[in-house]
Every structure is written in structure tokens, then in C-alpha cells.
Amino acid sequence: MDDFLITLNFDIKRCENVLRTNDYLEIVITLEEIIDKYKSEIDNINIDNKRVWNYSKKDLENITDKLINKRNEILNQYIYNEESINYIIKNIKDYISIKEDLCTSEKAEILKNIESISLIKDEKIDKNLKWEKLKKYILWASYKEVKIGSSIIELINLIIKTSN
């Protein structure tokens, strides 16, 4: 996601600069490159022209808006996922803090493993490697009571789903 956002921001700035210069050739070149680059990433980015190079400044403005919308969509999804992960962690911590039948060492073990899971989540590694590192926590969680175990598995699932 990070590299894609950087590229997206770069291309948004590029479009804005080309719009400012108002150079028709640059508008056409930019449109062709942007459409080709993002046609598999952004829905409806293609411009339906009957003739080759039948573009306008308005087309580039529309494409720029689509790039901005895609960037905002990605950022909003990232924020939502981060909030969801933090919410699950907070719920687990709150639950074990009021759970009287858990001994102190068991609570400490759960907190330590949640911290380890969080550290793995923040690592900039491939999704498959992240999955390999998190597998042992699924096994560990399967031996916990249902509320704690299922919450930890839900946390791991969300981490994997939101990884690159």
C-alpha cells in the first residue's frame, strides 16, 4: 500500500502540474500514461473516445479526481482497519483486566502475546512471512477460552487481510 500511495500522490501532483501548464501535448501524454498505468487499479478510468488523441483538459481534470478519490478510499480503508485492530486489542485488554478467574501470569502472557502480534503487524514484510510468524499465535489462542481465543484469531485475521 505504501508504494502505491506514493506513486498515486506523485501522479496526482503530475496531473495538477500539467493542468497548470495547459499544454495540450502534455495533457494527452499524461492521460495516456495515467490511464494505462491505473486501468487495472481504478474502475472507470478509461476515457471512451472514438478517435485517437481526442482529449481535453476536462478529461485530465476528471482523471485527477479519480486518482484523488482512489487515494482517499485507500487512506480511509487503512484508517478503518487500524481503528478496528486497535478496537479488538482494547477489547481483549479490557476483558482480561476484569476477568477474575485469570491469574496474573496468564494475563501477563496474553498481554505479552498481544504485544508480539502488534509488533509483527507493524513489520514491513511480505504477507506470507507475516502469516508464518502469526501462525503460532493462532495455535496458542486455540487453547484460550472462547472470548479471548476468538478475539485473538479475529485480530490475526484482520492483520493478514490488511497486509500487502
Foldseek 3Di string as FASTA:
>chain_A
DVVVLVVLVVLLVLLVVCLVVQDLVSLLVSLVVLCVVCVVPFPPLDDDDPDRSPDHNVNSVVNSVSSVVSSVVVVVVVVVLVVVLVVLVVVLLVVVVPDPVDDPVNSVVLVVVSVVLVVLLPDQDALVVSCVVCVVVLVVLVPDPPVNSVSSVVSSVSSSVPHD
